[in-house]
Amino acid sequence: MFVTKCRRGVFTKEVLNELREIFSAVCTDFEAGLVAFEGEDDHAHLLVNYPPEVAVSALVNSLKGVSSRMIRKKNYLEIENKLWGGALGSPSYFAGSCSGAPISIIRQYIEQQRTPE
């Protein structure tokens, strides 16, 4: 889960579409796959299938760092004044294993997020 700094409503539909492309590219660099992605105005959920030799902390660090730099570089006027000290994301993250749960259930949960208009 990627949470915006101070849970500010920063993500628009356009920003979330951009994030999907960025996250997919970063996953490809790690030989991982972005299985599902959806978000709301203050957070996003990702379902990523990554190889066991990849440290989840390294993957998340790259996902957050690259996306933050690229989104801020685009200068989205509607989010510029909502960024706290120029930071897009919270410094923390949540990553959980779902090896016992059916992927279809997890994908359904992610797809039910209320994407902003």
PDB file of N, CA and C in Angstrom:
ATOM      1  N   MET A   1       0.849  -1.165   0.000  1.00  0.00           N
ATOM      2  CA  MET A   1       0.000   0.000   0.000  1.00  0.00           C
ATOM      3  C   MET A   1       0.900   1.236   0.000  1.00  0.00           C
ATOM      4  N   PHE A   2       0.633   2.167  -0.867  1.00  0.00           N
ATOM      5  CA  PHE A   2       1.354   3.433  -0.996  1.00  0.00           C
ATOM      6  C   PHE A   2       0.448   4.524  -0.447  1.00  0.00           C
ATOM      7  N   VAL A   3       0.872   5.194   0.615  1.00  0.00           N
ATOM      8  CA  VAL A   3       0.065   6.219   1.269  1.00  0.00           C
ATOM      9  C   VAL A   3       0.713   7.579   1.049  1.00  0.00           C
ATOM     10  N   THR A   4      -0.114   8.579   0.722  1.00  0.00           N
ATOM     11  CA  THR A   4       0.414   9.927   0.527  1.00  0.00           C
ATOM     12  C   THR A   4       0.849  10.521   1.861  1.00  0.00           C
ATOM     13  N   LYS A   5       1.746  11.462   1.803  1.00  0.00           N
ATOM     14  CA  LYS A   5       2.240  12.130   3.006  1.00  0.00           C
ATOM     15  C   LYS A   5       1.072  12.786   3.731  1.00  0.00           C
ATOM     16  N   CYS A   6       0.925  12.499   5.000  1.00  0.00           N
ATOM     17  CA  CYS A   6      -0.138  13.040   5.860  1.00  0.00           C
ATOM     18  C   CYS A   6      -1.538  12.725   5.330  1.00  0.00           C
ATOM     19  N   ARG A   7      -1.661  11.653   4.553  1.00  0.00           N
ATOM     20  CA  ARG A   7      -2.936  11.197   3.983  1.00  0.00           C
ATOM     21  C   ARG A   7      -3.688  12.311   3.249  1.00  0.00           C
ATOM     22  N   ARG A   8      -2.929  13.210   2.613  1.00  0.00           N
ATOM     23  CA  ARG A   8      -3.565  14.279   1.831  1.00  0.00           C
ATOM     24  C   ARG A   8      -4.131  13.700   0.541  1.00  0.00           C
ATOM     25  N   GLY A   9      -5.277  14.239   0.106  1.00  0.00           N
ATOM     26  CA  GLY A   9      -5.924  13.789  -1.116  1.00  0.00           C
ATOM     27  C   GLY A   9      -5.196  14.307  -2.344  1.00  0.00           C
ATOM     28  N   VAL A  10      -4.174  13.599  -2.746  1.00  0.00           N
ATOM     29  CA  VAL A  10      -3.293  14.049  -3.826  1.00  0.00           C
ATOM     30  C   VAL A  10      -3.586  13.339  -5.145  1.00  0.00           C
ATOM     31  N   PHE A  11      -4.029  12.099  -5.080  1.00  0.00           N
ATOM     32  CA  PHE A  11      -4.169  11.306  -6.297  1.00  0.00           C
ATOM     33  C   PHE A  11      -5.473  11.604  -7.022  1.00  0.00           C
ATOM     34  N   THR A  12      -5.335  12.049  -8.250  1.00  0.00           N
ATOM     35  CA  THR A  12      -6.474  12.197  -9.159  1.00  0.00           C
ATOM     36  C   THR A  12      -6.474  10.972 -10.065  1.00  0.00           C
ATOM     37  N   LYS A  13      -7.500  10.839 -10.869  1.00  0.00           N
ATOM     38  CA  LYS A  13      -7.549   9.719 -11.815  1.00  0.00           C
ATOM     39  C   LYS A  13      -6.339   9.757 -12.748  1.00  0.00           C
ATOM     40  N   GLU A  14      -5.983  10.956 -13.199  1.00  0.00           N
ATOM     41  CA  GLU A  14      -4.831  11.123 -14.099  1.00  0.00           C
ATOM     42  C   GLU A  14      -3.525  10.711 -13.407  1.00  0.00           C
ATOM     43  N   VAL A  15      -3.345  11.122 -12.159  1.00  0.00           N
ATOM     44  CA  VAL A  15      -2.132  10.770 -11.416  1.00  0.00           C
ATOM     45  C   VAL A  15      -2.080   9.267 -11.182  1.00  0.00           C
ATOM     46  N   LEU A  16      -3.203   8.662 -10.832  1.00  0.00           N
ATOM     47  CA  LEU A  16      -3.230   7.212 -10.620  1.00  0.00           C
ATOM     48  C   LEU A  16      -2.905   6.453 -11.900  1.00  0.00           C
ATOM     49  N   ASN A  17      -3.379   6.937 -13.040  1.00  0.00           N
ATOM     50  CA  ASN A  17      -3.028   6.302 -14.319  1.00  0.00           C
ATOM     51  C   ASN A  17      -1.529   6.394 -14.582  1.00  0.00           C
ATOM     52  N   GLU A  18      -0.956   7.539 -14.259  1.00  0.00           N
ATOM     53  CA  GLU A  18       0.492   7.721 -14.409  1.00  0.00           C
ATOM     54  C   GLU A  18       1.247   6.789 -13.467  1.00  0.00           C
ATOM     55  N   LEU A  19       0.767   6.687 -12.220  1.00  0.00           N
ATOM     56  CA  LEU A  19       1.406   5.795 -11.245  1.00  0.00           C
ATOM     57  C   LEU A  19       1.375   4.342 -11.716  1.00  0.00           C
ATOM     58  N   ARG A  20       0.268   3.932 -12.309  1.00  0.00           N
ATOM     59  CA  ARG A  20       0.166   2.553 -12.806  1.00  0.00           C
ATOM     60  C   ARG A  20       1.279   2.263 -13.811  1.00  0.00           C
ATOM     61  N   GLU A  21       1.522   3.189 -14.721  1.00  0.00           N
ATOM     62  CA  GLU A  21       2.577   3.010 -15.719  1.00  0.00           C
ATOM     63  C   GLU A  21       3.961   2.983 -15.066  1.00  0.00           C
ATOM     64  N   ILE A  22       4.181   3.885 -14.118  1.00  0.00           N
ATOM     65  CA  ILE A  22       5.477   3.949 -13.427  1.00  0.00           C
ATOM     66  C   ILE A  22       5.713   2.666 -12.640  1.00  0.00           C
ATOM     67  N   PHE A  23       4.720   2.237 -11.868  1.00  0.00           N
ATOM     68  CA  PHE A  23       4.863   1.022 -11.063  1.00  0.00           C
ATOM     69  C   PHE A  23       5.104  -0.195 -11.948  1.00  0.00           C
ATOM     70  N   SER A  24       4.431  -0.263 -13.069  1.00  0.00           N
ATOM     71  CA  SER A  24       4.620  -1.382 -13.987  1.00  0.00           C
ATOM     72  C   SER A  24       6.055  -1.414 -14.517  1.00  0.00           C
ATOM     73  N   ALA A  25       6.586  -0.248 -14.874  1.00  0.00           N
ATOM     74  CA  ALA A  25       7.962  -0.170 -15.382  1.00  0.00           C
ATOM     75  C   ALA A  25       8.972  -0.558 -14.303  1.00  0.00           C
ATOM     76  N   VAL A  26       8.762  -0.092 -13.084  1.00  0.00           N
ATOM     77  CA  VAL A  26       9.675  -0.436 -11.985  1.00  0.00           C
ATOM     78  C   VAL A  26       9.618  -1.943 -11.723  1.00  0.00           C
ATOM     79  N   CYS A  27       8.429  -2.507 -11.729  1.00  0.00           N
ATOM     80  CA  CYS A  27       8.295  -3.949 -11.524  1.00  0.00           C
ATOM     81  C   CYS A  27       9.052  -4.724 -12.599  1.00  0.00           C
ATOM     82  N   THR A  28       8.953  -4.275 -13.831  1.00  0.00           N
ATOM     83  CA  THR A  28       9.671  -4.927 -14.926  1.00  0.00           C
ATOM     84  C   THR A  28      11.176  -4.890 -14.681  1.00  0.00           C
ATOM     85  N   ASP A  29      11.688  -3.774 -14.170  1.00  0.00           N
ATOM     86  CA  ASP A  29      13.113  -3.662 -13.854  1.00  0.00           C
ATOM     87  C   ASP A  29      13.551  -4.689 -12.809  1.00  0.00           C
ATOM     88  N   PHE A  30      12.642  -5.076 -11.927  1.00  0.00           N
ATOM     89  CA  PHE A  30      12.934  -6.052 -10.876  1.00  0.00           C
ATOM     90  C   PHE A  30      12.515  -7.467 -11.275  1.00  0.00           C
ATOM     91  N   GLU A  31      12.153  -7.653 -12.541  1.00  0.00           N
ATOM     92  CA  GLU A  31      11.647  -8.933 -13.039  1.00  0.00           C
ATOM     93  C   GLU A  31      10.434  -9.383 -12.239  1.00  0.00           C
ATOM     94  N   ALA A  32       9.617  -8.406 -11.876  1.00  0.00           N
ATOM     95  CA  ALA A  32       8.388  -8.645 -11.139  1.00  0.00           C
ATOM     96  C   ALA A  32       7.216  -8.266 -12.037  1.00  0.00           C
ATOM     97  N   GLY A  33       6.015  -8.549 -11.569  1.00  0.00           N
ATOM     98  CA  GLY A  33       4.843  -8.205 -12.343  1.00  0.00           C
ATOM     99  C   GLY A  33       3.814  -7.476 -11.502  1.00  0.00           C
ATOM    100  N   LEU A  34       3.293  -6.389 -12.033  1.00  0.00           N
ATOM    101  CA  LEU A  34       2.213  -5.661 -11.379  1.00  0.00           C
ATOM    102  C   LEU A  34       0.913  -6.377 -11.751  1.00  0.00           C
ATOM    103  N   VAL A  35       0.363  -7.137 -10.806  1.00  0.00           N
ATOM    104  CA  VAL A  35      -0.813  -7.962 -11.062  1.00  0.00           C
ATOM    105  C   VAL A  35      -2.086  -7.128 -11.007  1.00  0.00           C
ATOM    106  N   ALA A  36      -2.174  -6.244 -10.007  1.00  0.00           N
ATOM    107  CA  ALA A  36      -3.347  -5.386  -9.859  1.00  0.00           C
ATOM    108  C   ALA A  36      -2.921  -4.072  -9.225  1.00  0.00           C
ATOM    109  N   PHE A  37      -3.623  -3.009  -9.601  1.00  0.00           N
ATOM    110  CA  PHE A  37      -3.343  -1.685  -9.057  1.00  0.00           C
ATOM    111  C   PHE A  37      -4.628  -0.875  -9.066  1.00  0.00           C
ATOM    112  N   GLU A  38      -4.889  -0.198  -7.970  1.00  0.00           N
ATOM    113  CA  GLU A  38      -6.016   0.726  -7.903  1.00  0.00           C
ATOM    114  C   GLU A  38      -5.766   1.644  -6.713  1.00  0.00           C
ATOM    115  N   GLY A  39      -6.384   2.787  -6.723  1.00  0.00           N
ATOM    116  CA  GLY A  39      -6.168   3.704  -5.622  1.00  0.00           C
ATOM    117  C   GLY A  39      -7.320   4.640  -5.387  1.00  0.00           C
ATOM    118  N   GLU A  40      -7.221   5.344  -4.278  1.00  0.00           N
ATOM    119  CA  GLU A  40      -8.165   6.386  -3.918  1.00  0.00           C
ATOM    120  C   GLU A  40      -7.377   7.690  -3.886  1.00  0.00           C
ATOM    121  N   ASP A  41      -7.971   8.759  -3.383  1.00  0.00           N
ATOM    122  CA  ASP A  41      -7.277  10.045  -3.449  1.00  0.00           C
ATOM    123  C   ASP A  41      -6.082  10.148  -2.507  1.00  0.00           C
ATOM    124  N   ASP A  42      -5.983   9.282  -1.492  1.00  0.00           N
ATOM    125  CA  ASP A  42      -4.876   9.391  -0.548  1.00  0.00           C
ATOM    126  C   ASP A  42      -4.042   8.119  -0.387  1.00  0.00           C
ATOM    127  N   HIS A  43      -4.335   7.081  -1.153  1.00  0.00           N
ATOM    128  CA  HIS A  43      -3.521   5.875  -1.092  1.00  0.00           C
ATOM    129  C   HIS A  43      -3.771   5.001  -2.321  1.00  0.00           C
ATOM    130  N   ALA A  44      -2.861   4.058  -2.516  1.00  0.00           N
ATOM    131  CA  ALA A  44      -2.989   3.117  -3.626  1.00  0.00           C
ATOM    132  C   ALA A  44      -2.599   1.725  -3.148  1.00  0.00           C
ATOM    133  N   HIS A  45      -3.255   0.720  -3.720  1.00  0.00           N
ATOM    134  CA  HIS A  45      -2.953  -0.675  -3.425  1.00  0.00           C
ATOM    135  C   HIS A  45      -2.295  -1.293  -4.648  1.00  0.00           C
ATOM    136  N   LEU A  46      -1.259  -2.063  -4.408  1.00  0.00           N
ATOM    137  CA  LEU A  46      -0.581  -2.777  -5.481  1.00  0.00           C
ATOM    138  C   LEU A  46      -0.521  -4.251  -5.123  1.00  0.00           C
ATOM    139  N   LEU A  47      -0.750  -5.098  -6.079  1.00  0.00           N
ATOM    140  CA  LEU A  47      -0.529  -6.526  -5.940  1.00  0.00           C
ATOM    141  C   LEU A  47       0.606  -6.855  -6.891  1.00  0.00           C
ATOM    142  N   VAL A  48       1.732  -7.250  -6.319  1.00  0.00           N
ATOM    143  CA  VAL A  48       2.948  -7.462  -7.106  1.00  0.00           C
ATOM    144  C   VAL A  48       3.431  -8.897  -6.922  1.00  0.00           C
ATOM    145  N   ASN A  49       3.737  -9.544  -8.014  1.00  0.00           N
ATOM    146  CA  ASN A  49       4.348 -10.866  -7.983  1.00  0.00           C
ATOM    147  C   ASN A  49       5.834 -10.660  -8.265  1.00  0.00           C
ATOM    148  N   TYR A  50       6.667 -10.915  -7.270  1.00  0.00           N
ATOM    149  CA  TYR A  50       8.100 -10.665  -7.433  1.00  0.00           C
ATOM    150  C   TYR A  50       8.895 -11.919  -7.096  1.00  0.00           C
ATOM    151  N   PRO A  51      10.077 -12.074  -7.700  1.00  0.00           N
ATOM    152  CA  PRO A  51      10.889 -13.259  -7.465  1.00  0.00           C
ATOM    153  C   PRO A  51      11.437 -13.288  -6.032  1.00  0.00           C
ATOM    154  N   PRO A  52      11.679 -14.480  -5.484  1.00  0.00           N
ATOM    155  CA  PRO A  52      12.127 -14.598  -4.097  1.00  0.00           C
ATOM    156  C   PRO A  52      13.494 -13.965  -3.821  1.00  0.00           C
ATOM    157  N   GLU A  53      14.314 -13.796  -4.836  1.00  0.00           N
ATOM    158  CA  GLU A  53      15.635 -13.197  -4.604  1.00  0.00           C
ATOM    159  C   GLU A  53      15.586 -11.674  -4.488  1.00  0.00           C
ATOM    160  N   VAL A  54      14.434 -11.082  -4.731  1.00  0.00           N
ATOM    161  CA  VAL A  54      14.268  -9.629  -4.609  1.00  0.00           C
ATOM    162  C   VAL A  54      13.809  -9.299  -3.191  1.00  0.00           C
ATOM    163  N   ALA A  55      14.524  -8.413  -2.527  1.00  0.00           N
ATOM    164  CA  ALA A  55      14.119  -7.961  -1.194  1.00  0.00           C
ATOM    165  C   ALA A  55      12.930  -7.022  -1.338  1.00  0.00           C
ATOM    166  N   VAL A  56      11.874  -7.307  -0.607  1.00  0.00           N
ATOM    167  CA  VAL A  56      10.672  -6.478  -0.717  1.00  0.00           C
ATOM    168  C   VAL A  56      10.988  -5.026  -0.362  1.00  0.00           C
ATOM    169  N   SER A  57      11.900  -4.800   0.569  1.00  0.00           N
ATOM    170  CA  SER A  57      12.249  -3.427   0.932  1.00  0.00           C
ATOM    171  C   SER A  57      12.904  -2.686  -0.229  1.00  0.00           C
ATOM    172  N   ALA A  58      13.735  -3.369  -1.003  1.00  0.00           N
ATOM    173  CA  ALA A  58      14.376  -2.740  -2.166  1.00  0.00           C
ATOM    174  C   ALA A  58      13.345  -2.432  -3.246  1.00  0.00           C
ATOM    175  N   LEU A  59      12.417  -3.347  -3.466  1.00  0.00           N
ATOM    176  CA  LEU A  59      11.365  -3.133  -4.458  1.00  0.00           C
ATOM    177  C   LEU A  59      10.481  -1.951  -4.063  1.00  0.00           C
ATOM    178  N   VAL A  60      10.041  -1.925  -2.816  1.00  0.00           N
ATOM    179  CA  VAL A  60       9.171  -0.840  -2.347  1.00  0.00           C
ATOM    180  C   VAL A  60       9.904   0.492  -2.379  1.00  0.00           C
ATOM    181  N   ASN A  61      11.160   0.502  -1.967  1.00  0.00           N
ATOM    182  CA  ASN A  61      11.952   1.731  -1.997  1.00  0.00           C
ATOM    183  C   ASN A  61      12.028   2.287  -3.418  1.00  0.00           C
ATOM    184  N   SER A  62      12.223   1.423  -4.383  1.00  0.00           N
ATOM    185  CA  SER A  62      12.295   1.865  -5.771  1.00  0.00           C
ATOM    186  C   SER A  62      10.924   2.317  -6.276  1.00  0.00           C
ATOM    187  N   LEU A  63       9.880   1.563  -5.958  1.00  0.00           N
ATOM    188  CA  LEU A  63       8.529   1.949  -6.371  1.00  0.00           C
ATOM    189  C   LEU A  63       8.175   3.337  -5.853  1.00  0.00           C
ATOM    190  N   LYS A  64       8.444   3.576  -4.573  1.00  0.00           N
ATOM    191  CA  LYS A  64       8.093   4.861  -3.969  1.00  0.00           C
ATOM    192  C   LYS A  64       8.994   5.994  -4.466  1.00  0.00           C
ATOM    193  N   GLY A  65      10.291   5.735  -4.535  1.00  0.00           N
ATOM    194  CA  GLY A  65      11.235   6.773  -4.937  1.00  0.00           C
ATOM    195  C   GLY A  65      11.057   7.209  -6.378  1.00  0.00           C
ATOM    196  N   VAL A  66      10.988   6.242  -7.272  1.00  0.00           N
ATOM    197  CA  VAL A  66      10.843   6.551  -8.700  1.00  0.00           C
ATOM    198  C   VAL A  66       9.513   7.250  -8.958  1.00  0.00           C
ATOM    199  N   SER A  67       8.435   6.719  -8.385  1.00  0.00           N
ATOM    200  CA  SER A  67       7.120   7.321  -8.634  1.00  0.00           C
ATOM    201  C   SER A  67       7.043   8.737  -8.079  1.00  0.00           C
ATOM    202  N   SER A  68       7.598   8.953  -6.906  1.00  0.00           N
ATOM    203  CA  SER A  68       7.570  10.292  -6.310  1.00  0.00           C
ATOM    204  C   SER A  68       8.318  11.294  -7.194  1.00  0.00           C
ATOM    205  N   ARG A  69       9.504  10.916  -7.634  1.00  0.00           N
ATOM    206  CA  ARG A  69      10.293  11.817  -8.493  1.00  0.00           C
ATOM    207  C   ARG A  69       9.577  12.105  -9.809  1.00  0.00           C
ATOM    208  N   MET A  70       9.029  11.072 -10.414  1.00  0.00           N
ATOM    209  CA  MET A  70       8.403  11.256 -11.729  1.00  0.00           C
ATOM    210  C   MET A  70       7.096  12.051 -11.642  1.00  0.00           C
ATOM    211  N   ILE A  71       6.310  11.829 -10.615  1.00  0.00           N
ATOM    212  CA  ILE A  71       5.056  12.570 -10.462  1.00  0.00           C
ATOM    213  C   ILE A  71       5.355  14.034 -10.146  1.00  0.00           C
ATOM    214  N   ARG A  72       6.311  14.289  -9.265  1.00  0.00           N
ATOM    215  CA  ARG A  72       6.658  15.681  -8.948  1.00  0.00           C
ATOM    216  C   ARG A  72       7.247  16.393 -10.152  1.00  0.00           C
ATOM    217  N   LYS A  73       7.967  15.674 -10.994  1.00  0.00           N
ATOM    218  CA  LYS A  73       8.563  16.268 -12.199  1.00  0.00           C
ATOM    219  C   LYS A  73       7.493  16.704 -13.200  1.00  0.00           C
ATOM    220  N   LYS A  74       6.342  16.029 -13.204  1.00  0.00           N
ATOM    221  CA  LYS A  74       5.255  16.357 -14.124  1.00  0.00           C
ATOM    222  C   LYS A  74       4.560  17.669 -13.761  1.00  0.00           C
ATOM    223  N   ASN A  75       4.769  18.161 -12.540  1.00  0.00           N
ATOM    224  CA  ASN A  75       4.184  19.434 -12.082  1.00  0.00           C
ATOM    225  C   ASN A  75       2.673  19.490 -12.250  1.00  0.00           C
ATOM    226  N   TYR A  76       1.988  18.506 -11.720  1.00  0.00           N
ATOM    227  CA  TYR A  76       0.527  18.533 -11.723  1.00  0.00           C
ATOM    228  C   TYR A  76       0.077  19.691 -10.839  1.00  0.00           C
ATOM    229  N   LEU A  77      -0.523  20.702 -11.435  1.00  0.00           N
ATOM    230  CA  LEU A  77      -0.918  21.903 -10.693  1.00  0.00           C
ATOM    231  C   LEU A  77      -1.930  21.606  -9.596  1.00  0.00           C
ATOM    232  N   GLU A  78      -2.833  20.651  -9.838  1.00  0.00           N
ATOM    233  CA  GLU A  78      -3.869  20.358  -8.853  1.00  0.00           C
ATOM    234  C   GLU A  78      -3.340  19.693  -7.585  1.00  0.00           C
ATOM    235  N   ILE A  79      -2.113  19.142  -7.629  1.00  0.00           N
ATOM    236  CA  ILE A  79      -1.573  18.513  -6.423  1.00  0.00           C
ATOM    237  C   ILE A  79      -0.404  19.274  -5.818  1.00  0.00           C
ATOM    238  N   GLU A  80       0.131  20.228  -6.561  1.00  0.00           N
ATOM    239  CA  GLU A  80       1.336  20.928  -6.116  1.00  0.00           C
ATOM    240  C   GLU A  80       1.189  21.537  -4.721  1.00  0.00           C
ATOM    241  N   ASN A  81       0.063  22.177  -4.440  1.00  0.00           N
ATOM    242  CA  ASN A  81      -0.114  22.826  -3.141  1.00  0.00           C
ATOM    243  C   ASN A  81      -0.489  21.838  -2.036  1.00  0.00           C
ATOM    244  N   LYS A  82      -0.725  20.577  -2.387  1.00  0.00           N
ATOM    245  CA  LYS A  82      -1.073  19.564  -1.386  1.00  0.00           C
ATOM    246  C   LYS A  82       0.133  18.756  -0.921  1.00  0.00           C
ATOM    247  N   LEU A  83       1.255  18.910  -1.589  1.00  0.00           N
ATOM    248  CA  LEU A  83       2.446  18.150  -1.207  1.00  0.00           C
ATOM    249  C   LEU A  83       3.071  18.757   0.044  1.00  0.00           C
ATOM    250  N   TRP A  84       3.372  17.928   0.991  1.00  0.00           N
ATOM    251  CA  TRP A  84       3.938  18.351   2.268  1.00  0.00           C
ATOM    252  C   TRP A  84       5.450  18.388   2.128  1.00  0.00           C
ATOM    253  N   GLY A  85       6.029  19.576   2.050  1.00  0.00           N
ATOM    254  CA  GLY A  85       7.480  19.692   1.891  1.00  0.00           C
ATOM    255  C   GLY A  85       7.982  19.077   0.600  1.00  0.00           C
ATOM    256  N   GLY A  86       7.127  19.023  -0.404  1.00  0.00           N
ATOM    257  CA  GLY A  86       7.530  18.449  -1.689  1.00  0.00           C
ATOM    258  C   GLY A  86       7.477  16.936  -1.729  1.00  0.00           C
ATOM    259  N   ALA A  87       7.157  16.292  -0.605  1.00  0.00           N
ATOM    260  CA  ALA A  87       7.122  14.827  -0.559  1.00  0.00           C
ATOM    261  C   ALA A  87       5.762  14.313  -1.008  1.00  0.00           C
ATOM    262  N   LEU A  88       5.766  13.308  -1.838  1.00  0.00           N
ATOM    263  CA  LEU A  88       4.522  12.715  -2.319  1.00  0.00           C
ATOM    264  C   LEU A  88       4.019  11.637  -1.363  1.00  0.00           C
ATOM    265  N   GLY A  89       4.912  10.758  -0.953  1.00  0.00           N
ATOM    266  CA  GLY A  89       4.491   9.619  -0.152  1.00  0.00           C
ATOM    267  C   GLY A  89       4.963   9.668   1.285  1.00  0.00           C
ATOM    268  N   SER A  90       4.244   8.943   2.114  1.00  0.00           N
ATOM    269  CA  SER A  90       4.639   8.742   3.501  1.00  0.00           C
ATOM    270  C   SER A  90       5.927   7.913   3.512  1.00  0.00           C
ATOM    271  N   PRO A  91       6.784   8.094   4.506  1.00  0.00           N
ATOM    272  CA  PRO A  91       8.015   7.303   4.530  1.00  0.00           C
ATOM    273  C   PRO A  91       7.775   5.826   4.865  1.00  0.00           C
ATOM    274  N   SER A  92       6.602   5.482   5.333  1.00  0.00           N
ATOM    275  CA  SER A  92       6.304   4.095   5.690  1.00  0.00           C
ATOM    276  C   SER A  92       5.555   3.394   4.560  1.00  0.00           C
ATOM    277  N   TYR A  93       5.432   2.080   4.692  1.00  0.00           N
ATOM    278  CA  TYR A  93       4.667   1.303   3.730  1.00  0.00           C
ATOM    279  C   TYR A  93       4.192   0.039   4.418  1.00  0.00           C
ATOM    280  N   PHE A  94       3.214  -0.608   3.824  1.00  0.00           N
ATOM    281  CA  PHE A  94       2.758  -1.897   4.298  1.00  0.00           C
ATOM    282  C   PHE A  94       2.923  -2.898   3.175  1.00  0.00           C
ATOM    283  N   ALA A  95       3.549  -4.004   3.474  1.00  0.00           N
ATOM    284  CA  ALA A  95       3.672  -5.097   2.513  1.00  0.00           C
ATOM    285  C   ALA A  95       3.275  -6.372   3.235  1.00  0.00           C
ATOM    286  N   GLY A  96       2.400  -7.124   2.642  1.00  0.00           N
ATOM    287  CA  GLY A  96       1.948  -8.373   3.245  1.00  0.00           C
ATOM    288  C   GLY A  96       2.025  -9.506   2.261  1.00  0.00           C
ATOM    289  N   SER A  97       2.257 -10.682   2.786  1.00  0.00           N
ATOM    290  CA  SER A  97       2.285 -11.882   1.971  1.00  0.00           C
ATOM    291  C   SER A  97       0.867 -12.415   1.826  1.00  0.00           C
ATOM    292  N   CYS A  98       0.562 -12.948   0.683  1.00  0.00           N
ATOM    293  CA  CYS A  98      -0.787 -13.486   0.462  1.00  0.00           C
ATOM    294  C   CYS A  98      -0.712 -14.870  -0.167  1.00  0.00           C
ATOM    295  N   SER A  99       0.282 -15.640   0.218  1.00  0.00           N
ATOM    296  CA  SER A  99       0.483 -16.938  -0.411  1.00  0.00           C
ATOM    297  C   SER A  99      -0.669 -17.909  -0.168  1.00  0.00           C
ATOM    298  N   GLY A 100      -1.441 -17.721   0.921  1.00  0.00           N
ATOM    299  CA  GLY A 100      -2.535 -18.641   1.198  1.00  0.00           C
ATOM    300  C   GLY A 100      -3.872 -18.188   0.645  1.00  0.00           C
ATOM    301  N   ALA A 101      -3.988 -16.928   0.299  1.00  0.00           N
ATOM    302  CA  ALA A 101      -5.260 -16.378  -0.176  1.00  0.00           C
ATOM    303  C   ALA A 101      -5.358 -16.491  -1.693  1.00  0.00           C
ATOM    304  N   PRO A 102      -6.562 -16.732  -2.194  1.00  0.00           N
ATOM    305  CA  PRO A 102      -6.727 -16.767  -3.659  1.00  0.00           C
ATOM    306  C   PRO A 102      -6.460 -15.377  -4.258  1.00  0.00           C
ATOM    307  N   ILE A 103      -5.705 -15.340  -5.322  1.00  0.00           N
ATOM    308  CA  ILE A 103      -5.377 -14.081  -5.994  1.00  0.00           C
ATOM    309  C   ILE A 103      -6.653 -13.359  -6.434  1.00  0.00           C
ATOM    310  N   SER A 104      -7.673 -14.103  -6.826  1.00  0.00           N
ATOM    311  CA  SER A 104      -8.914 -13.480  -7.288  1.00  0.00           C
ATOM    312  C   SER A 104      -9.564 -12.641  -6.191  1.00  0.00           C
ATOM    313  N   ILE A 105      -9.488 -13.077  -4.951  1.00  0.00           N
ATOM    314  CA  ILE A 105     -10.077 -12.333  -3.834  1.00  0.00           C
ATOM    315  C   ILE A 105      -9.278 -11.063  -3.570  1.00  0.00           C
ATOM    316  N   ILE A 106      -7.970 -11.159  -3.615  1.00  0.00           N
ATOM    317  CA  ILE A 106      -7.118  -9.993  -3.384  1.00  0.00           C
ATOM    318  C   ILE A 106      -7.301  -8.988  -4.518  1.00  0.00           C
ATOM    319  N   ARG A 107      -7.327  -9.464  -5.737  1.00  0.00           N
ATOM    320  CA  ARG A 107      -7.547  -8.591  -6.896  1.00  0.00           C
ATOM    321  C   ARG A 107      -8.900  -7.884  -6.775  1.00  0.00           C
ATOM    322  N   GLN A 108      -9.930  -8.616  -6.366  1.00  0.00           N
ATOM    323  CA  GLN A 108     -11.262  -8.028  -6.197  1.00  0.00           C
ATOM    324  C   GLN A 108     -11.229  -6.910  -5.160  1.00  0.00           C
ATOM    325  N   TYR A 109     -10.545  -7.123  -4.045  1.00  0.00           N
ATOM    326  CA  TYR A 109     -10.430  -6.090  -3.006  1.00  0.00           C
ATOM    327  C   TYR A 109      -9.762  -4.833  -3.576  1.00  0.00           C
ATOM    328  N   ILE A 110      -8.678  -5.017  -4.304  1.00  0.00           N
ATOM    329  CA  ILE A 110      -7.943  -3.880  -4.862  1.00  0.00           C
ATOM    330  C   ILE A 110      -8.797  -3.139  -5.886  1.00  0.00           C
ATOM    331  N   GLU A 111      -9.502  -3.866  -6.720  1.00  0.00           N
ATOM    332  CA  GLU A 111     -10.311  -3.238  -7.765  1.00  0.00           C
ATOM    333  C   GLU A 111     -11.533  -2.504  -7.209  1.00  0.00           C
ATOM    334  N   GLN A 112     -11.904  -2.765  -5.962  1.00  0.00           N
ATOM    335  CA  GLN A 112     -13.057  -2.100  -5.362  1.00  0.00           C
ATOM    336  C   GLN A 112     -12.713  -0.754  -4.724  1.00  0.00           C
ATOM    337  N   GLN A 113     -11.477  -0.301  -4.874  1.00  0.00           N
ATOM    338  CA  GLN A 113     -11.096   1.001  -4.337  1.00  0.00           C
ATOM    339  C   GLN A 113     -11.859   2.079  -5.101  1.00  0.00           C
ATOM    340  N   ARG A 114     -12.173   3.166  -4.429  1.00  0.00           N
ATOM    341  CA  ARG A 114     -12.952   4.256  -5.036  1.00  0.00           C
ATOM    342  C   ARG A 114     -12.009   5.226  -5.751  1.00  0.00           C
ATOM    343  N   THR A 115     -11.740   4.967  -6.995  1.00  0.00           N
ATOM    344  CA  THR A 115     -10.867   5.831  -7.796  1.00  0.00           C
ATOM    345  C   THR A 115     -11.516   7.208  -7.959  1.00  0.00           C
ATOM    346  N   PRO A 116     -10.751   8.284  -7.710  1.00  0.00           N
ATOM    347  CA  PRO A 116     -11.306   9.621  -7.896  1.00  0.00           C
ATOM    348  C   PRO A 116     -11.662   9.885  -9.348  1.00  0.00           C
ATOM    349  N   GLU A 117     -12.597  10.785  -9.549  1.00  0.00           N
ATOM    350  CA  GLU A 117     -13.018  11.143 -10.903  1.00  0.00           C
ATOM    351  C   GLU A 117     -12.007  12.028 -11.568  1.00  0.00           C
TER     352      GLU A 117
END
